[in-house]
Amino acid sequence: MNEELHTYLRYKKQFPTVWCAGCGIGTVMNVLVKTIQELDYAQDDVVVVSGIGCSSRMPVYLDFNTLHTTHGRAIAFATGIKMFRPELKVIVITGDGDGLAIGGNHLIHACRRNLDLTVVLINNFIYGMTGGQVSPSTPLGSYCYTSPYGNLEQPFDVVEIAKGAGATFIARSTSYHVMQLKQYLRQALEHKGFSIIDILAQCPTLYGRLNKSGNAVEMLKWLKSHTIPLAAAKKKKPEELKNKYVTGVFRDDDSKREYTEVYWELVRRLHGTESEE
């Protein structure tokens, strides 16, 4: 990180981070901070909200308005903040367990409402902080401590869930493709409406070790070789995309009005103050 980025971080007792060596979450935090710096958002205008899990520890290290909430409820808390202070830039940091399991219901309804939140979903295919259980995104056949003979459940596809629920900006990237990730984060933050980025990230300590995926470098190489850009994927047959994750921007739609804008218009109308900003 360059020296200017240090102003966005809390130091002293918070560093080094809680994350294991080789974890992809630190990379995502680095890219997020650089993106916010480039967008020149005032620190007091940014709110970062998280639930429980490895990725949800990120607000501990970021010097914005931050809220570390209960398991799966990050979007619920973020909704309250955005409804009361719609001018703030509200970012939700979550993981595949926190965001798709106990928090899945909050996710689909935030998509449906088109609430102006940016959800950064760091997807490492496993519950990390709580000890290595199978998560909603764990690939079929993968090993976790609660699937010692291989996962029998079909995994969720974050992109397809967000599409079906009505999110207006949807993207997928990885902790390997850092320049692509920065571009998508910038688009998501500038988008007016609900935006979500599914970020595939390596977990060498649990998922990698249990599935003999190698160290962090080898897992990053796996992310490189097992992803394909959306434009290239459209030219492939379905069978050619087996075991591949498609990256890209899957939806960027500004035709649907943002929820807090509609809500506060109603409030002003009912109070007879339509002309007020």
C-alpha atoms as a PDB file:
ATOM      1  CA  MET A   1       0.000   0.000   0.000  1.00  0.00           C
ATOM      2  CA  ASN A   2       1.189   3.536  -0.696  1.00  0.00           C
ATOM      3  CA  GLU A   3       1.440   5.994   2.181  1.00  0.00           C
ATOM      4  CA  GLU A   4      -1.766   7.829   1.269  1.00  0.00           C
ATOM      5  CA  LEU A   5      -3.796   4.666   1.790  1.00  0.00           C
ATOM      6  CA  HIS A   6      -2.664   4.435   5.413  1.00  0.00           C
ATOM      7  CA  THR A   7      -5.155   7.186   6.309  1.00  0.00           C
ATOM      8  CA  TYR A   8      -7.955   4.696   5.618  1.00  0.00           C
ATOM      9  CA  LEU A   9      -6.628   2.124   8.101  1.00  0.00           C
ATOM     10  CA  ARG A  10      -6.772   1.764  11.869  1.00  0.00           C
ATOM     11  CA  TYR A  11      -3.397   0.778  13.279  1.00  0.00           C
ATOM     12  CA  LYS A  12      -2.048   0.124  16.785  1.00  0.00           C
ATOM     13  CA  LYS A  13      -3.555  -3.049  18.246  1.00  0.00           C
ATOM     14  CA  GLN A  14      -5.498  -3.976  15.093  1.00  0.00           C
ATOM     15  CA  PHE A  15      -2.475  -5.082  13.062  1.00  0.00           C
ATOM     16  CA  PRO A  16      -1.374  -7.618  12.004  1.00  0.00           C
ATOM     17  CA  THR A  17      -4.777  -8.828  10.875  1.00  0.00           C
ATOM     18  CA  VAL A  18      -6.640 -11.869  12.151  1.00  0.00           C
ATOM     19  CA  TRP A  19      -6.513 -13.497   8.697  1.00  0.00           C
ATOM     20  CA  CYS A  20      -4.315 -16.485   7.998  1.00  0.00           C
ATOM     21  CA  ALA A  21      -1.209 -16.153   5.850  1.00  0.00           C
ATOM     22  CA  GLY A  22      -2.194 -16.431   2.197  1.00  0.00           C
ATOM     23  CA  CYS A  23      -5.884 -15.583   2.741  1.00  0.00           C
ATOM     24  CA  GLY A  24      -7.534 -13.679  -0.116  1.00  0.00           C
ATOM     25  CA  ILE A  25      -9.512 -11.316   2.122  1.00  0.00           C
ATOM     26  CA  GLY A  26      -6.560  -8.960   2.659  1.00  0.00           C
ATOM     27  CA  THR A  27      -6.224  -8.565  -1.101  1.00  0.00           C
ATOM     28  CA  VAL A  28      -9.894  -7.634  -1.377  1.00  0.00           C
ATOM     29  CA  MET A  29      -9.534  -5.075   1.437  1.00  0.00           C
ATOM     30  CA  ASN A  30      -6.515  -3.539  -0.308  1.00  0.00           C
ATOM     31  CA  VAL A  31      -8.377  -3.234  -3.616  1.00  0.00           C
ATOM     32  CA  LEU A  32     -11.488  -1.819  -1.923  1.00  0.00           C
ATOM     33  CA  VAL A  33      -9.507   0.884  -0.114  1.00  0.00           C
ATOM     34  CA  LYS A  34      -7.678   1.846  -3.321  1.00  0.00           C
ATOM     35  CA  THR A  35     -11.004   2.104  -5.156  1.00  0.00           C
ATOM     36  CA  ILE A  36     -12.517   4.347  -2.471  1.00  0.00           C
ATOM     37  CA  GLN A  37      -9.402   6.521  -2.582  1.00  0.00           C
ATOM     38  CA  GLU A  38      -9.635   6.892  -6.363  1.00  0.00           C
ATOM     39  CA  LEU A  39     -13.319   7.820  -6.097  1.00  0.00           C
ATOM     40  CA  ASP A  40     -12.304  10.477  -3.539  1.00  0.00           C
ATOM     41  CA  TYR A  41     -15.081   9.651  -1.083  1.00  0.00           C
ATOM     42  CA  ALA A  42     -14.792  11.457   2.245  1.00  0.00           C
ATOM     43  CA  GLN A  43     -14.188   8.949   5.027  1.00  0.00           C
ATOM     44  CA  ASP A  44     -17.114  10.311   7.030  1.00  0.00           C
ATOM     45  CA  ASP A  45     -19.419   9.685   4.056  1.00  0.00           C
ATOM     46  CA  VAL A  46     -18.611   5.962   3.880  1.00  0.00           C
ATOM     47  CA  VAL A  47     -20.174   3.283   6.091  1.00  0.00           C
ATOM     48  CA  VAL A  48     -18.822  -0.279   6.086  1.00  0.00           C
ATOM     49  CA  VAL A  49     -21.101  -2.899   7.653  1.00  0.00           C
ATOM     50  CA  SER A  50     -20.399  -6.577   8.236  1.00  0.00           C
ATOM     51  CA  GLY A  51     -21.838  -9.609   9.991  1.00  0.00           C
ATOM     52  CA  ILE A  52     -19.830 -12.523  11.393  1.00  0.00           C
ATOM     53  CA  GLY A  53     -17.086 -14.506   9.700  1.00  0.00           C
ATOM     54  CA  CYS A  54     -13.544 -14.126   8.401  1.00  0.00           C
ATOM     55  CA  SER A  55     -14.450 -11.476   5.813  1.00  0.00           C
ATOM     56  CA  SER A  56     -16.678  -9.688   8.316  1.00  0.00           C
ATOM     57  CA  ARG A  57     -13.643  -8.710  10.383  1.00  0.00           C
ATOM     58  CA  MET A  58     -12.687  -6.200   7.685  1.00  0.00           C
ATOM     59  CA  PRO A  59     -14.395  -3.141   9.293  1.00  0.00           C
ATOM     60  CA  VAL A  60     -12.116  -3.593  12.322  1.00  0.00           C
ATOM     61  CA  TYR A  61      -9.194  -2.429  10.171  1.00  0.00           C
ATOM     62  CA  LEU A  62     -10.915   0.308   8.131  1.00  0.00           C
ATOM     63  CA  ASP A  63     -11.135   3.901   9.354  1.00  0.00           C
ATOM     64  CA  PHE A  64     -14.606   4.751   8.063  1.00  0.00           C
ATOM     65  CA  ASN A  65     -17.941   4.691   9.853  1.00  0.00           C
ATOM     66  CA  THR A  66     -18.051   0.968  10.626  1.00  0.00           C
ATOM     67  CA  LEU A  67     -20.496  -1.497  12.125  1.00  0.00           C
ATOM     68  CA  HIS A  68     -19.641  -5.114  13.017  1.00  0.00           C
ATOM     69  CA  THR A  69     -23.035  -6.753  13.514  1.00  0.00           C
ATOM     70  CA  THR A  70     -24.559 -10.159  14.234  1.00  0.00           C
ATOM     71  CA  HIS A  71     -24.333 -13.250  12.034  1.00  0.00           C
ATOM     72  CA  GLY A  72     -26.177 -12.830   8.726  1.00  0.00           C
ATOM     73  CA  ARG A  73     -27.689  -9.460   9.630  1.00  0.00           C
ATOM     74  CA  ALA A  74     -25.263  -7.075   7.934  1.00  0.00           C
ATOM     75  CA  ILE A  75     -27.710  -6.164   5.171  1.00  0.00           C
ATOM     76  CA  ALA A  76     -30.489  -5.608   7.709  1.00  0.00           C
ATOM     77  CA  PHE A  77     -28.352  -3.128   9.671  1.00  0.00           C
ATOM     78  CA  ALA A  78     -27.126  -1.526   6.439  1.00  0.00           C
ATOM     79  CA  THR A  79     -30.737  -1.105   5.325  1.00  0.00           C
ATOM     80  CA  GLY A  80     -31.519   0.876   8.482  1.00  0.00           C
ATOM     81  CA  ILE A  81     -28.531   3.153   7.936  1.00  0.00           C
ATOM     82  CA  LYS A  82     -29.348   3.764   4.275  1.00  0.00           C
ATOM     83  CA  MET A  83     -33.031   4.432   4.936  1.00  0.00           C
ATOM     84  CA  PHE A  84     -32.232   7.085   7.561  1.00  0.00           C
ATOM     85  CA  ARG A  85     -29.140   8.581   5.884  1.00  0.00           C
ATOM     86  CA  PRO A  86     -29.559   7.936   2.139  1.00  0.00           C
ATOM     87  CA  GLU A  87     -26.720  10.319   1.251  1.00  0.00           C
ATOM     88  CA  LEU A  88     -24.127   7.955   2.768  1.00  0.00           C
ATOM     89  CA  LYS A  89     -22.218   5.380   0.723  1.00  0.00           C
ATOM     90  CA  VAL A  90     -23.039   2.095   2.483  1.00  0.00           C
ATOM     91  CA  ILE A  91     -20.895  -0.971   1.772  1.00  0.00           C
ATOM     92  CA  VAL A  92     -21.647  -4.442   3.131  1.00  0.00           C
ATOM     93  CA  ILE A  93     -18.776  -6.886   3.596  1.00  0.00           C
ATOM     94  CA  THR A  94     -19.947 -10.482   3.858  1.00  0.00           C
ATOM     95  CA  GLY A  95     -18.980 -14.050   3.023  1.00  0.00           C
ATOM     96  CA  ASP A  96     -20.618 -17.082   1.473  1.00  0.00           C
ATOM     97  CA  GLY A  97     -21.748 -18.359   4.885  1.00  0.00           C
ATOM     98  CA  ASP A  98     -22.802 -15.054   6.434  1.00  0.00           C
ATOM     99  CA  GLY A  99     -24.388 -13.702   3.253  1.00  0.00           C
ATOM    100  CA  LEU A 100     -25.971 -16.759   1.636  1.00  0.00           C
ATOM    101  CA  ALA A 101     -27.072 -18.944   4.565  1.00  0.00           C
ATOM    102  CA  ILE A 102     -28.431 -17.121   7.617  1.00  0.00           C
ATOM    103  CA  GLY A 103     -28.263 -13.833   5.668  1.00  0.00           C
ATOM    104  CA  GLY A 104     -29.744 -15.142   2.429  1.00  0.00           C
ATOM    105  CA  ASN A 105     -33.242 -13.815   3.057  1.00  0.00           C
ATOM    106  CA  HIS A 106     -31.937 -10.296   3.702  1.00  0.00           C
ATOM    107  CA  LEU A 107     -29.908 -10.511   0.508  1.00  0.00           C
ATOM    108  CA  ILE A 108     -32.780 -11.370  -1.813  1.00  0.00           C
ATOM    109  CA  HIS A 109     -35.062  -8.685  -0.391  1.00  0.00           C
ATOM    110  CA  ALA A 110     -32.396  -5.981  -0.645  1.00  0.00           C
ATOM    111  CA  CYS A 111     -31.985  -7.011  -4.301  1.00  0.00           C
ATOM    112  CA  ARG A 112     -35.749  -6.853  -4.786  1.00  0.00           C
ATOM    113  CA  ARG A 113     -36.071  -3.386  -3.279  1.00  0.00           C
ATOM    114  CA  ASN A 114     -33.130  -2.011  -5.293  1.00  0.00           C
ATOM    115  CA  LEU A 115     -31.765  -0.399  -2.171  1.00  0.00           C
ATOM    116  CA  ASP A 116     -28.569   1.572  -2.845  1.00  0.00           C
ATOM    117  CA  LEU A 117     -26.121  -0.768  -1.103  1.00  0.00           C
ATOM    118  CA  THR A 118     -22.915  -2.302  -2.413  1.00  0.00           C
ATOM    119  CA  VAL A 119     -22.493  -5.897  -1.220  1.00  0.00           C
ATOM    120  CA  VAL A 120     -18.945  -7.262  -1.390  1.00  0.00           C
ATOM    121  CA  LEU A 121     -19.397 -11.029  -1.007  1.00  0.00           C
ATOM    122  CA  ILE A 122     -16.050 -12.760  -0.435  1.00  0.00           C
ATOM    123  CA  ASN A 123     -16.638 -16.345  -1.481  1.00  0.00           C
ATOM    124  CA  ASN A 124     -14.083 -18.906  -0.282  1.00  0.00           C
ATOM    125  CA  PHE A 125     -16.410 -21.941  -0.417  1.00  0.00           C
ATOM    126  CA  ILE A 126     -16.299 -22.689   3.318  1.00  0.00           C
ATOM    127  CA  TYR A 127     -17.142 -21.399   6.781  1.00  0.00           C
ATOM    128  CA  GLY A 128     -13.703 -20.238   7.872  1.00  0.00           C
ATOM    129  CA  MET A 129     -13.977 -18.521  11.242  1.00  0.00           C
ATOM    130  CA  THR A 130     -16.314 -21.125  12.736  1.00  0.00           C
ATOM    131  CA  GLY A 131     -14.095 -24.053  11.857  1.00  0.00           C
ATOM    132  CA  GLY A 132     -14.504 -25.326   8.309  1.00  0.00           C
ATOM    133  CA  GLN A 133     -18.125 -26.331   7.833  1.00  0.00           C
ATOM    134  CA  VAL A 134     -19.748 -26.725   4.414  1.00  0.00           C
ATOM    135  CA  SER A 135     -21.275 -23.462   3.136  1.00  0.00           C
ATOM    136  CA  PRO A 136     -24.027 -22.704   0.579  1.00  0.00           C
ATOM    137  CA  SER A 137     -21.350 -22.154  -2.095  1.00  0.00           C
ATOM    138  CA  THR A 138     -19.163 -25.210  -1.368  1.00  0.00           C
ATOM    139  CA  PRO A 139     -18.635 -27.010  -4.700  1.00  0.00           C
ATOM    140  CA  LEU A 140     -20.225 -30.412  -5.160  1.00  0.00           C
ATOM    141  CA  GLY A 141     -17.941 -33.166  -3.886  1.00  0.00           C
ATOM    142  CA  SER A 142     -15.654 -30.822  -1.938  1.00  0.00           C
ATOM    143  CA  TYR A 143     -14.419 -31.750   1.520  1.00  0.00           C
ATOM    144  CA  CYS A 144     -15.198 -29.791   4.660  1.00  0.00           C
ATOM    145  CA  TYR A 145     -15.325 -30.857   8.296  1.00  0.00           C
ATOM    146  CA  THR A 146     -19.085 -31.376   7.971  1.00  0.00           C
ATOM    147  CA  SER A 147     -18.753 -33.125   4.592  1.00  0.00           C
ATOM    148  CA  PRO A 148     -15.876 -35.579   5.229  1.00  0.00           C
ATOM    149  CA  TYR A 149     -17.030 -37.819   2.353  1.00  0.00           C
ATOM    150  CA  GLY A 150     -17.594 -34.956  -0.081  1.00  0.00           C
ATOM    151  CA  ASN A 151     -20.331 -32.318  -0.251  1.00  0.00           C
ATOM    152  CA  LEU A 152     -23.613 -33.792  -1.524  1.00  0.00           C
ATOM    153  CA  GLU A 153     -25.473 -30.478  -1.924  1.00  0.00           C
ATOM    154  CA  GLN A 154     -25.653 -28.403  -5.091  1.00  0.00           C
ATOM    155  CA  PRO A 155     -24.016 -25.011  -4.431  1.00  0.00           C
ATOM    156  CA  PHE A 156     -25.721 -21.662  -4.800  1.00  0.00           C
ATOM    157  CA  ASP A 157     -24.715 -19.484  -7.746  1.00  0.00           C
ATOM    158  CA  VAL A 158     -24.540 -15.948  -6.337  1.00  0.00           C
ATOM    159  CA  VAL A 159     -24.953 -14.355  -9.759  1.00  0.00           C
ATOM    160  CA  GLU A 160     -28.095 -16.332 -10.569  1.00  0.00           C
ATOM    161  CA  ILE A 161     -29.629 -15.614  -7.152  1.00  0.00           C
ATOM    162  CA  ALA A 162     -29.005 -11.886  -7.580  1.00  0.00           C
ATOM    163  CA  LYS A 163     -30.423 -11.940 -11.102  1.00  0.00           C
ATOM    164  CA  GLY A 164     -33.599 -13.686  -9.988  1.00  0.00           C
ATOM    165  CA  ALA A 165     -34.052 -11.378  -7.001  1.00  0.00           C
ATOM    166  CA  GLY A 166     -33.761  -8.235  -9.141  1.00  0.00           C
ATOM    167  CA  ALA A 167     -30.358  -6.739  -8.335  1.00  0.00           C
ATOM    168  CA  THR A 168     -29.491  -3.977 -10.791  1.00  0.00           C
ATOM    169  CA  PHE A 169     -25.689  -4.399 -10.775  1.00  0.00           C
ATOM    170  CA  ILE A 170     -24.164  -7.883 -10.626  1.00  0.00           C
ATOM    171  CA  ALA A 171     -20.532  -8.868 -11.183  1.00  0.00           C
ATOM    172  CA  ARG A 172     -18.074 -11.639 -10.401  1.00  0.00           C
ATOM    173  CA  SER A 173     -14.300 -11.487 -10.070  1.00  0.00           C
ATOM    174  CA  THR A 174     -11.562 -13.148  -8.000  1.00  0.00           C
ATOM    175  CA  SER A 175      -8.755 -12.259  -5.610  1.00  0.00           C
ATOM    176  CA  TYR A 176      -6.349 -13.129  -8.441  1.00  0.00           C
ATOM    177  CA  HIS A 177      -7.800 -10.662 -10.988  1.00  0.00           C
ATOM    178  CA  VAL A 178      -7.080  -7.533  -8.937  1.00  0.00           C
ATOM    179  CA  MET A 179      -7.307  -4.962 -11.754  1.00  0.00           C
ATOM    180  CA  GLN A 180     -10.576  -6.441 -12.973  1.00  0.00           C
ATOM    181  CA  LEU A 181     -11.844  -6.480  -9.389  1.00  0.00           C
ATOM    182  CA  LYS A 182     -10.983  -2.803  -8.907  1.00  0.00           C
ATOM    183  CA  GLN A 183     -12.865  -1.919 -12.072  1.00  0.00           C
ATOM    184  CA  TYR A 184     -15.963  -3.820 -10.939  1.00  0.00           C
ATOM    185  CA  LEU A 185     -15.827  -2.340  -7.438  1.00  0.00           C
ATOM    186  CA  ARG A 186     -15.697   1.132  -8.922  1.00  0.00           C
ATOM    187  CA  GLN A 187     -18.698   0.393 -11.150  1.00  0.00           C
ATOM    188  CA  ALA A 188     -20.600  -1.077  -8.212  1.00  0.00           C
ATOM    189  CA  LEU A 189     -19.903   1.882  -5.930  1.00  0.00           C
ATOM    190  CA  GLU A 190     -20.909   4.398  -8.610  1.00  0.00           C
ATOM    191  CA  HIS A 191     -24.082   2.468  -9.455  1.00  0.00           C
ATOM    192  CA  LYS A 192     -27.306   3.944  -8.062  1.00  0.00           C
ATOM    193  CA  GLY A 193     -29.219   0.929  -6.796  1.00  0.00           C
ATOM    194  CA  PHE A 194     -28.379  -2.472  -5.376  1.00  0.00           C
ATOM    195  CA  SER A 195     -24.979  -3.788  -6.456  1.00  0.00           C
ATOM    196  CA  ILE A 196     -23.279  -7.060  -5.590  1.00  0.00           C
ATOM    197  CA  ILE A 197     -19.903  -8.529  -6.480  1.00  0.00           C
ATOM    198  CA  ASP A 198     -19.228 -12.232  -5.982  1.00  0.00           C
ATOM    199  CA  ILE A 199     -15.475 -12.424  -5.296  1.00  0.00           C
ATOM    200  CA  LEU A 200     -13.912 -15.882  -5.391  1.00  0.00           C
ATOM    201  CA  ALA A 201     -11.037 -15.957  -2.899  1.00  0.00           C
ATOM    202  CA  GLN A 202      -8.573 -18.534  -1.671  1.00  0.00           C
ATOM    203  CA  CYS A 203      -8.677 -20.095   1.819  1.00  0.00           C
ATOM    204  CA  PRO A 204      -5.500 -22.202   2.018  1.00  0.00           C
ATOM    205  CA  THR A 205      -5.821 -22.928   5.741  1.00  0.00           C
ATOM    206  CA  LEU A 206      -9.169 -24.739   5.620  1.00  0.00           C
ATOM    207  CA  TYR A 207     -10.663 -25.239   2.158  1.00  0.00           C
ATOM    208  CA  GLY A 208      -7.271 -25.579   0.491  1.00  0.00           C
ATOM    209  CA  ARG A 209      -5.870 -28.001   3.052  1.00  0.00           C
ATOM    210  CA  LEU A 210      -8.984 -30.187   3.224  1.00  0.00           C
ATOM    211  CA  ASN A 211      -9.214 -30.390  -0.578  1.00  0.00           C
ATOM    212  CA  LYS A 212      -5.463 -30.728  -1.208  1.00  0.00           C
ATOM    213  CA  SER A 213      -5.526 -27.543  -3.289  1.00  0.00           C
ATOM    214  CA  GLY A 214      -2.028 -26.507  -2.329  1.00  0.00           C
ATOM    215  CA  ASN A 215      -0.758 -23.262  -0.862  1.00  0.00           C
ATOM    216  CA  ALA A 216      -2.043 -19.756  -1.541  1.00  0.00           C
ATOM    217  CA  VAL A 217      -0.010 -19.348  -4.728  1.00  0.00           C
ATOM    218  CA  GLU A 218      -1.312 -22.624  -6.144  1.00  0.00           C
ATOM    219  CA  MET A 219      -4.873 -21.667  -5.235  1.00  0.00           C
ATOM    220  CA  LEU A 220      -4.460 -18.320  -6.993  1.00  0.00           C
ATOM    221  CA  LYS A 221      -3.224 -20.167 -10.076  1.00  0.00           C
ATOM    222  CA  TRP A 222      -6.354 -22.336  -9.805  1.00  0.00           C
ATOM    223  CA  LEU A 223      -8.548 -19.215  -9.768  1.00  0.00           C
ATOM    224  CA  LYS A 224      -6.762 -18.015 -12.886  1.00  0.00           C
ATOM    225  CA  SER A 225      -7.194 -21.293 -14.774  1.00  0.00           C
ATOM    226  CA  HIS A 226     -10.760 -22.026 -13.645  1.00  0.00           C
ATOM    227  CA  THR A 227     -12.313 -18.689 -14.596  1.00  0.00           C
ATOM    228  CA  ILE A 228     -13.365 -17.398 -17.982  1.00  0.00           C
ATOM    229  CA  PRO A 229     -14.504 -13.899 -19.023  1.00  0.00           C
ATOM    230  CA  LEU A 230     -18.190 -13.500 -19.828  1.00  0.00           C
ATOM    231  CA  ALA A 231     -17.531 -12.500 -23.460  1.00  0.00           C
ATOM    232  CA  ALA A 232     -15.481 -15.659 -24.050  1.00  0.00           C
ATOM    233  CA  ALA A 233     -17.986 -17.840 -22.186  1.00  0.00           C
ATOM    234  CA  LYS A 234     -20.780 -16.763 -24.529  1.00  0.00           C
ATOM    235  CA  LYS A 235     -18.902 -18.399 -27.403  1.00  0.00           C
ATOM    236  CA  LYS A 236     -18.541 -21.718 -25.574  1.00  0.00           C
ATOM    237  CA  LYS A 237     -20.874 -24.693 -25.421  1.00  0.00           C
ATOM    238  CA  PRO A 238     -22.315 -25.472 -21.957  1.00  0.00           C
ATOM    239  CA  GLU A 239     -20.188 -28.611 -21.627  1.00  0.00           C
ATOM    240  CA  GLU A 240     -17.051 -26.532 -22.271  1.00  0.00           C
ATOM    241  CA  LEU A 241     -17.828 -24.402 -19.216  1.00  0.00           C
ATOM    242  CA  LYS A 242     -17.957 -27.327 -16.800  1.00  0.00           C
ATOM    243  CA  ASN A 243     -15.914 -26.569 -13.662  1.00  0.00           C
ATOM    244  CA  LYS A 244     -15.406 -22.986 -14.858  1.00  0.00           C
ATOM    245  CA  TYR A 245     -16.535 -19.800 -13.125  1.00  0.00           C
ATOM    246  CA  VAL A 246     -17.603 -17.020 -15.457  1.00  0.00           C
ATOM    247  CA  THR A 247     -16.344 -13.555 -14.500  1.00  0.00           C
ATOM    248  CA  GLY A 248     -17.679 -10.236 -15.693  1.00  0.00           C
ATOM    249  CA  VAL A 249     -20.507  -7.762 -15.274  1.00  0.00           C
ATOM    250  CA  PHE A 250     -23.732  -9.688 -15.690  1.00  0.00           C
ATOM    251  CA  ARG A 251     -26.134  -6.789 -15.226  1.00  0.00           C
ATOM    252  CA  ASP A 252     -25.786  -3.011 -15.095  1.00  0.00           C
ATOM    253  CA  ASP A 253     -29.299  -1.588 -15.252  1.00  0.00           C
ATOM    254  CA  ASP A 254     -30.170   1.984 -14.288  1.00  0.00           C
ATOM    255  CA  SER A 255     -33.798   1.863 -15.455  1.00  0.00           C
ATOM    256  CA  LYS A 256     -35.192   0.821 -12.048  1.00  0.00           C
ATOM    257  CA  ARG A 257     -35.583   3.557  -9.441  1.00  0.00           C
ATOM    258  CA  GLU A 258     -33.616   3.317  -6.200  1.00  0.00           C
ATOM    259  CA  TYR A 259     -35.711   2.521  -3.129  1.00  0.00           C
ATOM    260  CA  THR A 260     -34.693   5.268  -0.678  1.00  0.00           C
ATOM    261  CA  GLU A 261     -35.310   7.899  -3.348  1.00  0.00           C
ATOM    262  CA  VAL A 262     -38.864   6.642  -3.851  1.00  0.00           C
ATOM    263  CA  TYR A 263     -39.420   6.289  -0.094  1.00  0.00           C
ATOM    264  CA  TRP A 264     -38.334   9.836   0.784  1.00  0.00           C
ATOM    265  CA  GLU A 265     -40.400  11.268  -2.053  1.00  0.00           C
ATOM    266  CA  LEU A 266     -43.414   9.636  -0.428  1.00  0.00           C
ATOM    267  CA  VAL A 267     -42.463  11.042   3.002  1.00  0.00           C
ATOM    268  CA  ARG A 268     -42.155  14.569   1.614  1.00  0.00           C
ATOM    269  CA  ARG A 269     -45.439  14.244  -0.248  1.00  0.00           C
ATOM    270  CA  LEU A 270     -47.284  13.087   2.854  1.00  0.00           C
ATOM    271  CA  HIS A 271     -45.797  15.984   4.830  1.00  0.00           C
ATOM    272  CA  GLY A 272     -46.620  18.456   2.047  1.00  0.00           C
ATOM    273  CA  THR A 273     -42.947  19.307   1.453  1.00  0.00           C
ATOM    274  CA  GLU A 274     -42.428  17.934  -2.066  1.00  0.00           C
ATOM    275  CA  SER A 275     -40.220  20.869  -3.091  1.00  0.00           C
ATOM    276  CA  GLU A 276     -37.701  20.323  -0.286  1.00  0.00           C
ATOM    277  CA  GLU A 277     -34.401  18.584  -1.010  1.00  0.00           C
END
